[in-house]
Amino acid sequence: MTNINNGLAEDIDFNSKKFINSWQVVNDSVMGGISTSKIAIENNIVSFSGQLSFENNGGFASARYVLNKPIIAKDKVSITFKGDNRHYQLRLRTNTGPGAIAYKVDFYATANNWNSLIFKKSDFIPTYRGATVDDAPQLNLADVKQISILIADKQLPAFQLDISQIGFL
């Protein structure tokens, strides 16, 4: 993990109409939970916000974005964000079908300050439903089809993560 200032090779276009309409919220309601979340986009900032609940064995919220075009082969991912002093995950999927592995990296989003991080592809851990997958293929960023943000930090206060940039280096 490295802090960055600029020099992004391929950013996702937060202005595109396809980008705005391509986010999908997936919360613990898929397993009977009652956590809530939403995505809002204003002034090129994606805001992911909501409320976790532990009722009915819940406790996570996520938002997914399916890429509109293939990524030119890269080996790092960058994200610029401002948060709420909570832990989040950046997750990448190379397959979006049932049973697909999610490659995840954890990050801490401090409040009131914009932060920029770069993650090497080796920073991402292959998981399936939260468990590490030891025999998963190595992540190839050129194969990424979906990006998601997930929160499951076992805290009940409302959350909000603002994202101004996601890119591939």
N, C-alpha and C. Protein backbone atom coordinates (compact mmCIF):
# COMPACT_ATOMS: atom_id res chain seq x y z
N MET A 1 0.85 -1.16 0.00
CA MET A 1 0.00 0.00 0.00
C MET A 1 0.90 1.23 0.00
N THR A 2 0.61 2.19 -0.89
CA THR A 2 1.42 3.38 -1.02
C THR A 2 0.53 4.60 -1.18
N ASN A 3 0.88 5.70 -0.56
CA ASN A 3 0.14 6.94 -0.80
C ASN A 3 0.51 7.48 -2.17
N ILE A 4 -0.44 8.15 -2.82
CA ILE A 4 -0.18 8.71 -4.15
C ILE A 4 -0.61 10.16 -4.21
N ASN A 5 -0.14 10.84 -5.21
CA ASN A 5 -0.59 12.21 -5.50
C ASN A 5 -1.29 12.27 -6.84
N ASN A 6 -0.69 11.70 -7.87
CA ASN A 6 -1.30 11.71 -9.20
C ASN A 6 -0.60 10.67 -10.07
N GLY A 7 -0.68 10.83 -11.38
CA GLY A 7 -0.01 9.91 -12.29
C GLY A 7 -0.82 8.68 -12.61
N LEU A 8 -2.13 8.78 -12.59
CA LEU A 8 -2.97 7.63 -12.87
C LEU A 8 -3.00 7.34 -14.35
N ALA A 9 -2.89 6.07 -14.69
CA ALA A 9 -2.85 5.69 -16.09
C ALA A 9 -4.24 5.48 -16.67
N GLU A 10 -5.15 4.90 -15.92
CA GLU A 10 -6.50 4.62 -16.44
C GLU A 10 -7.51 4.77 -15.30
N ASP A 11 -8.22 5.87 -15.30
CA ASP A 11 -9.24 6.12 -14.28
C ASP A 11 -10.60 5.68 -14.80
N ILE A 12 -11.47 5.31 -13.88
CA ILE A 12 -12.86 5.07 -14.22
C ILE A 12 -13.53 6.43 -14.30
N ASP A 13 -14.30 6.65 -15.35
CA ASP A 13 -14.92 7.95 -15.60
C ASP A 13 -16.16 8.14 -14.73
N PHE A 14 -16.02 8.91 -13.65
CA PHE A 14 -17.13 9.15 -12.74
C PHE A 14 -18.20 10.05 -13.36
N ASN A 15 -17.92 10.69 -14.51
CA ASN A 15 -18.88 11.57 -15.17
C ASN A 15 -19.83 10.83 -16.10
N SER A 16 -19.46 9.66 -16.53
CA SER A 16 -20.23 8.96 -17.55
C SER A 16 -21.61 8.55 -17.02
N LYS A 17 -22.61 8.67 -17.89
CA LYS A 17 -23.98 8.27 -17.52
C LYS A 17 -24.04 6.78 -17.20
N LYS A 18 -23.26 5.98 -17.95
CA LYS A 18 -23.20 4.55 -17.67
C LYS A 18 -22.67 4.30 -16.27
N PHE A 19 -21.67 5.09 -15.86
CA PHE A 19 -21.11 4.93 -14.51
C PHE A 19 -22.18 5.17 -13.46
N ILE A 20 -22.90 6.24 -13.61
CA ILE A 20 -23.90 6.63 -12.61
C ILE A 20 -24.98 5.56 -12.48
N ASN A 21 -25.37 4.95 -13.58
CA ASN A 21 -26.46 3.96 -13.57
C ASN A 21 -25.99 2.53 -13.33
N SER A 22 -24.69 2.32 -13.20
CA SER A 22 -24.16 0.96 -13.13
C SER A 22 -23.90 0.45 -11.71
N TRP A 23 -24.12 1.26 -10.70
CA TRP A 23 -23.90 0.81 -9.32
C TRP A 23 -25.08 -0.04 -8.84
N GLN A 24 -24.78 -1.08 -8.10
CA GLN A 24 -25.81 -1.94 -7.51
C GLN A 24 -25.48 -2.13 -6.03
N VAL A 25 -26.43 -1.85 -5.17
CA VAL A 25 -26.26 -2.05 -3.73
C VAL A 25 -26.60 -3.50 -3.41
N VAL A 26 -25.73 -4.16 -2.64
CA VAL A 26 -25.97 -5.54 -2.18
C VAL A 26 -25.67 -5.57 -0.68
N ASN A 27 -26.71 -5.71 0.12
CA ASN A 27 -26.56 -5.71 1.57
C ASN A 27 -26.82 -7.10 2.13
N ASP A 28 -26.70 -7.22 3.44
CA ASP A 28 -26.92 -8.51 4.10
C ASP A 28 -28.35 -9.01 3.99
N SER A 29 -29.24 -8.23 3.39
CA SER A 29 -30.62 -8.68 3.17
C SER A 29 -30.65 -9.93 2.29
N VAL A 30 -29.60 -10.17 1.51
CA VAL A 30 -29.53 -11.39 0.70
C VAL A 30 -29.44 -12.63 1.58
N MET A 31 -29.12 -12.43 2.89
CA MET A 31 -29.03 -13.53 3.85
C MET A 31 -30.00 -13.34 5.01
N GLY A 32 -30.95 -12.42 4.88
CA GLY A 32 -31.93 -12.19 5.93
C GLY A 32 -31.64 -11.02 6.84
N GLY A 33 -30.50 -10.34 6.65
CA GLY A 33 -30.14 -9.19 7.47
C GLY A 33 -30.95 -7.96 7.10
N ILE A 34 -30.77 -6.89 7.88
CA ILE A 34 -31.54 -5.67 7.62
C ILE A 34 -30.66 -4.42 7.54
N SER A 35 -29.36 -4.58 7.26
CA SER A 35 -28.51 -3.41 7.03
C SER A 35 -29.00 -2.68 5.79
N THR A 36 -28.75 -1.38 5.74
CA THR A 36 -29.18 -0.57 4.60
C THR A 36 -28.00 0.22 4.06
N SER A 37 -28.04 0.50 2.77
CA SER A 37 -27.03 1.39 2.17
C SER A 37 -27.57 1.95 0.87
N LYS A 38 -26.89 2.99 0.40
CA LYS A 38 -27.26 3.60 -0.88
C LYS A 38 -26.01 4.21 -1.50
N ILE A 39 -26.12 4.48 -2.79
CA ILE A 39 -25.09 5.16 -3.55
C ILE A 39 -25.68 6.46 -4.06
N ALA A 40 -24.94 7.54 -3.90
CA ALA A 40 -25.32 8.83 -4.48
C ALA A 40 -24.09 9.39 -5.18
N ILE A 41 -24.31 10.07 -6.30
CA ILE A 41 -23.20 10.64 -7.05
C ILE A 41 -23.50 12.11 -7.29
N GLU A 42 -22.58 12.96 -6.83
CA GLU A 42 -22.73 14.40 -6.99
C GLU A 42 -21.36 15.03 -7.15
N ASN A 43 -21.22 15.91 -8.13
CA ASN A 43 -19.95 16.60 -8.39
C ASN A 43 -18.78 15.63 -8.51
N ASN A 44 -18.99 14.53 -9.23
CA ASN A 44 -17.96 13.53 -9.49
C ASN A 44 -17.49 12.80 -8.24
N ILE A 45 -18.28 12.82 -7.18
CA ILE A 45 -17.97 12.10 -5.95
C ILE A 45 -19.03 11.02 -5.75
N VAL A 46 -18.57 9.79 -5.55
CA VAL A 46 -19.47 8.69 -5.23
C VAL A 46 -19.57 8.60 -3.72
N SER A 47 -20.78 8.69 -3.18
CA SER A 47 -20.99 8.56 -1.74
C SER A 47 -21.71 7.24 -1.46
N PHE A 48 -21.06 6.41 -0.69
CA PHE A 48 -21.62 5.13 -0.24
C PHE A 48 -21.95 5.31 1.23
N SER A 49 -23.23 5.21 1.58
CA SER A 49 -23.63 5.48 2.97
C SER A 49 -24.73 4.53 3.40
N GLY A 50 -24.89 4.42 4.71
CA GLY A 50 -25.95 3.56 5.22
C GLY A 50 -25.79 3.27 6.69
N GLN A 51 -26.40 2.16 7.10
CA GLN A 51 -26.43 1.76 8.50
C GLN A 51 -26.32 0.24 8.58
N LEU A 52 -25.33 -0.26 9.32
CA LEU A 52 -25.22 -1.69 9.54
C LEU A 52 -26.17 -2.12 10.66
N SER A 53 -26.63 -3.35 10.59
CA SER A 53 -27.45 -3.95 11.64
C SER A 53 -26.98 -5.39 11.84
N PHE A 54 -26.94 -5.83 13.09
CA PHE A 54 -26.55 -7.21 13.37
C PHE A 54 -27.76 -8.13 13.54
N GLU A 55 -28.95 -7.56 13.42
CA GLU A 55 -30.16 -8.37 13.55
C GLU A 55 -30.21 -9.40 12.43
N ASN A 56 -30.77 -10.56 12.74
CA ASN A 56 -30.91 -11.66 11.77
C ASN A 56 -29.57 -12.08 11.18
N ASN A 57 -28.51 -12.03 12.00
CA ASN A 57 -27.15 -12.42 11.59
C ASN A 57 -26.61 -11.55 10.47
N GLY A 58 -27.02 -10.29 10.43
CA GLY A 58 -26.53 -9.35 9.42
C GLY A 58 -25.24 -8.68 9.85
N GLY A 59 -24.88 -7.63 9.11
CA GLY A 59 -23.70 -6.87 9.49
C GLY A 59 -22.81 -6.43 8.35
N PHE A 60 -23.32 -6.45 7.10
CA PHE A 60 -22.50 -5.92 6.02
C PHE A 60 -23.36 -5.16 5.01
N ALA A 61 -22.70 -4.27 4.31
CA ALA A 61 -23.32 -3.53 3.21
C ALA A 61 -22.26 -3.36 2.13
N SER A 62 -22.70 -3.39 0.88
CA SER A 62 -21.74 -3.23 -0.22
C SER A 62 -22.40 -2.56 -1.41
N ALA A 63 -21.55 -2.06 -2.28
CA ALA A 63 -21.99 -1.47 -3.55
C ALA A 63 -21.05 -1.98 -4.63
N ARG A 64 -21.62 -2.40 -5.75
CA ARG A 64 -20.85 -2.99 -6.85
C ARG A 64 -20.98 -2.15 -8.11
N TYR A 65 -19.90 -2.17 -8.87
CA TYR A 65 -19.88 -1.48 -10.16
C TYR A 65 -19.29 -2.43 -11.20
N VAL A 66 -20.04 -2.72 -12.26
CA VAL A 66 -19.55 -3.56 -13.34
C VAL A 66 -18.83 -2.67 -14.35
N LEU A 67 -17.61 -3.04 -14.69
CA LEU A 67 -16.82 -2.24 -15.63
C LEU A 67 -17.44 -2.29 -17.02
N ASN A 68 -17.41 -1.15 -17.69
CA ASN A 68 -17.98 -1.03 -19.04
C ASN A 68 -17.03 -1.49 -20.13
N LYS A 69 -15.74 -1.54 -19.81
CA LYS A 69 -14.75 -1.93 -20.81
C LYS A 69 -13.62 -2.66 -20.10
N PRO A 70 -12.89 -3.48 -20.83
CA PRO A 70 -11.76 -4.18 -20.21
C PRO A 70 -10.68 -3.20 -19.76
N ILE A 71 -9.96 -3.60 -18.74
CA ILE A 71 -8.84 -2.79 -18.25
C ILE A 71 -7.60 -3.16 -19.06
N ILE A 72 -6.88 -2.16 -19.46
CA ILE A 72 -5.58 -2.41 -20.09
C ILE A 72 -4.70 -3.01 -19.00
N ALA A 73 -3.97 -4.06 -19.33
CA ALA A 73 -3.19 -4.79 -18.32
C ALA A 73 -2.37 -3.84 -17.45
N LYS A 74 -2.62 -3.91 -16.16
CA LYS A 74 -1.96 -3.07 -15.16
C LYS A 74 -1.57 -3.95 -13.99
N ASP A 75 -0.84 -3.39 -13.01
CA ASP A 75 -0.52 -4.19 -11.84
C ASP A 75 -0.79 -3.49 -10.51
N LYS A 76 -1.46 -2.33 -10.55
CA LYS A 76 -1.81 -1.62 -9.32
C LYS A 76 -3.19 -1.00 -9.46
N VAL A 77 -3.83 -0.77 -8.30
CA VAL A 77 -5.14 -0.12 -8.25
C VAL A 77 -5.03 1.05 -7.30
N SER A 78 -5.59 2.19 -7.69
CA SER A 78 -5.57 3.37 -6.82
C SER A 78 -6.99 3.77 -6.47
N ILE A 79 -7.12 4.38 -5.30
CA ILE A 79 -8.42 4.89 -4.85
C ILE A 79 -8.17 6.15 -4.03
N THR A 80 -9.02 7.15 -4.25
CA THR A 80 -8.97 8.39 -3.48
C THR A 80 -10.31 8.52 -2.77
N PHE A 81 -10.27 8.74 -1.46
CA PHE A 81 -11.48 8.65 -0.65
C PHE A 81 -11.40 9.53 0.60
N LYS A 82 -12.55 9.77 1.17
CA LYS A 82 -12.69 10.43 2.47
C LYS A 82 -13.75 9.64 3.23
N GLY A 83 -13.50 9.37 4.50
CA GLY A 83 -14.42 8.50 5.21
C GLY A 83 -14.88 9.01 6.55
N ASP A 84 -14.97 8.07 7.47
CA ASP A 84 -15.61 8.31 8.76
C ASP A 84 -14.93 7.53 9.89
N ASN A 85 -13.62 7.34 9.74
CA ASN A 85 -12.84 6.58 10.73
C ASN A 85 -13.35 5.14 10.88
N ARG A 86 -13.59 4.50 9.72
CA ARG A 86 -14.07 3.12 9.70
C ARG A 86 -13.23 2.31 8.71
N HIS A 87 -13.34 1.00 8.84
CA HIS A 87 -12.63 0.06 7.97
C HIS A 87 -13.54 -0.38 6.82
N TYR A 88 -13.00 -0.37 5.63
CA TYR A 88 -13.72 -0.77 4.42
C TYR A 88 -12.88 -1.79 3.65
N GLN A 89 -13.48 -2.40 2.65
CA GLN A 89 -12.78 -3.28 1.73
C GLN A 89 -13.00 -2.79 0.31
N LEU A 90 -11.94 -2.80 -0.47
CA LEU A 90 -12.03 -2.65 -1.92
C LEU A 90 -11.95 -4.07 -2.46
N ARG A 91 -12.94 -4.44 -3.27
CA ARG A 91 -13.03 -5.81 -3.75
C ARG A 91 -13.07 -5.83 -5.28
N LEU A 92 -12.37 -6.77 -5.87
CA LEU A 92 -12.32 -6.93 -7.32
C LEU A 92 -12.77 -8.34 -7.66
N ARG A 93 -13.57 -8.45 -8.72
CA ARG A 93 -13.99 -9.77 -9.20
C ARG A 93 -13.61 -9.92 -10.66
N THR A 94 -13.10 -11.09 -10.99
CA THR A 94 -12.79 -11.39 -12.38
C THR A 94 -13.90 -12.21 -13.03
N ASN A 95 -14.82 -12.69 -12.21
CA ASN A 95 -15.97 -13.45 -12.67
C ASN A 95 -17.14 -12.97 -11.82
N THR A 96 -18.27 -12.71 -12.44
CA THR A 96 -19.41 -12.19 -11.68
C THR A 96 -20.50 -13.24 -11.48
N GLY A 97 -20.24 -14.47 -11.87
CA GLY A 97 -21.24 -15.52 -11.72
C GLY A 97 -21.32 -16.06 -10.30
N PRO A 98 -22.25 -16.99 -10.06
CA PRO A 98 -22.38 -17.60 -8.73
C PRO A 98 -21.07 -18.28 -8.33
N GLY A 99 -20.70 -18.14 -7.07
CA GLY A 99 -19.48 -18.77 -6.57
C GLY A 99 -18.21 -18.04 -6.93
N ALA A 100 -18.33 -16.83 -7.47
CA ALA A 100 -17.15 -16.08 -7.90
C ALA A 100 -16.30 -15.65 -6.71
N ILE A 101 -15.01 -15.69 -6.89
CA ILE A 101 -14.05 -15.25 -5.87
C ILE A 101 -13.96 -13.73 -5.92
N ALA A 102 -13.88 -13.13 -4.74
CA ALA A 102 -13.63 -11.68 -4.63
C ALA A 102 -12.22 -11.51 -4.09
N TYR A 103 -11.43 -10.70 -4.76
CA TYR A 103 -10.09 -10.36 -4.29
C TYR A 103 -10.22 -9.07 -3.49
N LYS A 104 -9.88 -9.11 -2.20
CA LYS A 104 -10.14 -7.96 -1.33
C LYS A 104 -8.87 -7.40 -0.71
N VAL A 105 -8.95 -6.10 -0.45
CA VAL A 105 -7.91 -5.43 0.32
C VAL A 105 -8.64 -4.51 1.31
N ASP A 106 -8.16 -4.49 2.54
CA ASP A 106 -8.77 -3.66 3.58
C ASP A 106 -8.10 -2.30 3.61
N PHE A 107 -8.88 -1.26 3.93
CA PHE A 107 -8.31 0.07 4.14
C PHE A 107 -9.11 0.82 5.18
N TYR A 108 -8.46 1.78 5.81
CA TYR A 108 -9.07 2.59 6.86
C TYR A 108 -9.32 3.98 6.28
N ALA A 109 -10.54 4.46 6.43
CA ALA A 109 -10.92 5.75 5.85
C ALA A 109 -11.05 6.79 6.96
N THR A 110 -10.04 7.64 7.08
CA THR A 110 -10.08 8.68 8.10
C THR A 110 -11.14 9.72 7.74
N ALA A 111 -11.65 10.37 8.76
CA ALA A 111 -12.68 11.40 8.57
C ALA A 111 -12.04 12.73 8.19
N ASN A 112 -12.76 13.49 7.40
CA ASN A 112 -12.44 14.89 7.08
C ASN A 112 -11.23 15.10 6.19
N ASN A 113 -10.49 14.07 5.84
CA ASN A 113 -9.31 14.23 4.98
C ASN A 113 -9.41 13.30 3.78
N TRP A 114 -9.07 13.84 2.61
CA TRP A 114 -8.97 12.99 1.42
C TRP A 114 -7.68 12.19 1.51
N ASN A 115 -7.77 10.90 1.21
CA ASN A 115 -6.62 10.00 1.21
C ASN A 115 -6.53 9.33 -0.15
N SER A 116 -5.32 9.08 -0.60
CA SER A 116 -5.10 8.34 -1.83
C SER A 116 -4.17 7.18 -1.53
N LEU A 117 -4.57 6.00 -1.97
CA LEU A 117 -3.77 4.80 -1.75
C LEU A 117 -3.58 4.07 -3.07
N ILE A 118 -2.45 3.39 -3.17
CA ILE A 118 -2.20 2.48 -4.29
C ILE A 118 -2.00 1.10 -3.70
N PHE A 119 -2.68 0.12 -4.28
CA PHE A 119 -2.53 -1.26 -3.86
C PHE A 119 -1.94 -2.06 -5.02
N LYS A 120 -0.91 -2.86 -4.73
CA LYS A 120 -0.38 -3.79 -5.72
C LYS A 120 -1.35 -4.96 -5.83
N LYS A 121 -1.34 -5.62 -6.97
CA LYS A 121 -2.26 -6.75 -7.11
C LYS A 121 -1.97 -7.84 -6.08
N SER A 122 -0.72 -7.92 -5.61
CA SER A 122 -0.38 -8.91 -4.58
C SER A 122 -0.95 -8.55 -3.21
N ASP A 123 -1.44 -7.32 -3.02
CA ASP A 123 -2.08 -6.92 -1.76
C ASP A 123 -3.48 -7.51 -1.62
N PHE A 124 -4.09 -7.91 -2.72
CA PHE A 124 -5.46 -8.41 -2.71
C PHE A 124 -5.49 -9.89 -2.33
N ILE A 125 -6.37 -10.24 -1.40
CA ILE A 125 -6.50 -11.60 -0.89
C ILE A 125 -7.75 -12.23 -1.50
N PRO A 126 -7.62 -13.43 -2.10
CA PRO A 126 -8.80 -14.09 -2.67
C PRO A 126 -9.71 -14.61 -1.56
N THR A 127 -11.01 -14.29 -1.66
CA THR A 127 -11.97 -14.72 -0.65
C THR A 127 -13.26 -15.19 -1.32
N TYR A 128 -14.00 -16.00 -0.58
CA TYR A 128 -15.35 -16.38 -0.98
C TYR A 128 -16.21 -16.31 0.27
N ARG A 129 -17.20 -15.42 0.26
CA ARG A 129 -18.08 -15.20 1.41
C ARG A 129 -17.28 -14.98 2.70
N GLY A 130 -16.20 -14.21 2.59
CA GLY A 130 -15.41 -13.83 3.75
C GLY A 130 -14.28 -14.76 4.11
N ALA A 131 -14.25 -15.97 3.57
CA ALA A 131 -13.19 -16.93 3.89
C ALA A 131 -12.11 -16.87 2.81
N THR A 132 -10.85 -16.95 3.23
CA THR A 132 -9.73 -16.95 2.28
C THR A 132 -9.76 -18.22 1.44
N VAL A 133 -9.50 -18.06 0.14
CA VAL A 133 -9.44 -19.18 -0.79
C VAL A 133 -7.96 -19.42 -1.12
N ASP A 134 -7.40 -20.48 -0.54
CA ASP A 134 -5.96 -20.72 -0.65
C ASP A 134 -5.51 -21.12 -2.05
N ASP A 135 -6.33 -21.82 -2.80
CA ASP A 135 -5.91 -22.31 -4.12
C ASP A 135 -6.45 -21.47 -5.27
N ALA A 136 -6.80 -20.22 -5.00
CA ALA A 136 -7.34 -19.33 -6.04
C ALA A 136 -6.24 -18.93 -7.02
N PRO A 137 -6.61 -18.69 -8.27
CA PRO A 137 -5.62 -18.17 -9.22
C PRO A 137 -5.16 -16.78 -8.80
N GLN A 138 -3.96 -16.43 -9.20
CA GLN A 138 -3.44 -15.09 -8.91
C GLN A 138 -4.30 -14.05 -9.62
N LEU A 139 -4.53 -12.93 -8.96
CA LEU A 139 -5.32 -11.85 -9.55
C LEU A 139 -4.62 -11.28 -10.78
N ASN A 140 -5.37 -11.19 -11.88
CA ASN A 140 -4.90 -10.54 -13.09
C ASN A 140 -5.82 -9.33 -13.30
N LEU A 141 -5.29 -8.12 -13.13
CA LEU A 141 -6.13 -6.93 -13.21
C LEU A 141 -6.78 -6.76 -14.58
N ALA A 142 -6.18 -7.30 -15.62
CA ALA A 142 -6.77 -7.20 -16.95
C ALA A 142 -8.08 -8.00 -17.04
N ASP A 143 -8.29 -8.92 -16.10
CA ASP A 143 -9.50 -9.74 -16.10
C ASP A 143 -10.61 -9.20 -15.20
N VAL A 144 -10.36 -8.08 -14.50
CA VAL A 144 -11.35 -7.55 -13.56
C VAL A 144 -12.60 -7.10 -14.31
N LYS A 145 -13.75 -7.57 -13.83
CA LYS A 145 -15.03 -7.21 -14.43
C LYS A 145 -15.90 -6.39 -13.47
N GLN A 146 -15.58 -6.43 -12.18
CA GLN A 146 -16.42 -5.74 -11.19
C GLN A 146 -15.56 -5.20 -10.05
N ILE A 147 -15.92 -4.01 -9.60
CA ILE A 147 -15.30 -3.36 -8.45
C ILE A 147 -16.39 -3.19 -7.40
N SER A 148 -16.06 -3.44 -6.14
CA SER A 148 -17.05 -3.17 -5.10
C SER A 148 -16.38 -2.63 -3.85
N ILE A 149 -17.20 -1.96 -3.06
CA ILE A 149 -16.81 -1.45 -1.75
C ILE A 149 -17.69 -2.17 -0.74
N LEU A 150 -17.08 -2.66 0.34
CA LEU A 150 -17.84 -3.37 1.35
C LEU A 150 -17.46 -2.85 2.72
N ILE A 151 -18.44 -2.76 3.60
CA ILE A 151 -18.20 -2.45 5.01
C ILE A 151 -18.82 -3.56 5.84
N ALA A 152 -18.03 -4.08 6.79
CA ALA A 152 -18.48 -5.14 7.69
C ALA A 152 -17.65 -5.05 8.97
N ASP A 153 -17.52 -3.84 9.51
CA ASP A 153 -16.58 -3.61 10.61
C ASP A 153 -17.17 -3.77 12.01
N LYS A 154 -18.37 -4.33 12.10
CA LYS A 154 -19.00 -4.62 13.38
C LYS A 154 -19.25 -3.38 14.23
N GLN A 155 -19.49 -2.24 13.57
CA GLN A 155 -19.86 -1.00 14.26
C GLN A 155 -21.24 -0.57 13.78
N LEU A 156 -22.04 -0.06 14.70
CA LEU A 156 -23.42 0.28 14.37
C LEU A 156 -23.65 1.71 13.89
N PRO A 157 -22.81 2.69 14.20
CA PRO A 157 -23.14 4.04 13.73
C PRO A 157 -23.28 4.08 12.21
N ALA A 158 -24.04 5.05 11.73
CA ALA A 158 -24.18 5.25 10.29
C ALA A 158 -22.80 5.43 9.67
N PHE A 159 -22.64 4.99 8.43
CA PHE A 159 -21.35 5.12 7.74
C PHE A 159 -21.51 5.96 6.48
N GLN A 160 -20.39 6.55 6.05
CA GLN A 160 -20.34 7.23 4.76
C GLN A 160 -18.91 7.25 4.26
N LEU A 161 -18.73 6.75 3.05
CA LEU A 161 -17.44 6.78 2.37
C LEU A 161 -17.62 7.54 1.06
N ASP A 162 -16.83 8.59 0.87
CA ASP A 162 -16.86 9.37 -0.38
C ASP A 162 -15.64 8.97 -1.21
N ILE A 163 -15.87 8.70 -2.48
CA ILE A 163 -14.79 8.27 -3.39
C ILE A 163 -14.74 9.24 -4.55
N SER A 164 -13.55 9.80 -4.80
CA SER A 164 -13.40 10.73 -5.92
C SER A 164 -12.66 10.11 -7.09
N GLN A 165 -12.03 8.95 -6.88
CA GLN A 165 -11.25 8.35 -7.97
C GLN A 165 -10.98 6.89 -7.68
N ILE A 166 -11.10 6.06 -8.71
CA ILE A 166 -10.61 4.69 -8.72
C ILE A 166 -9.88 4.53 -10.04
N GLY A 167 -8.67 4.03 -10.00
CA GLY A 167 -7.89 3.92 -11.23
C GLY A 167 -6.99 2.70 -11.23
N PHE A 168 -6.45 2.41 -12.39
CA PHE A 168 -5.54 1.29 -12.58
C PHE A 168 -4.23 1.81 -13.12
N LEU A 169 -3.14 1.41 -12.51
CA LEU A 169 -1.80 1.88 -12.88
C LEU A 169 -0.99 0.76 -13.49
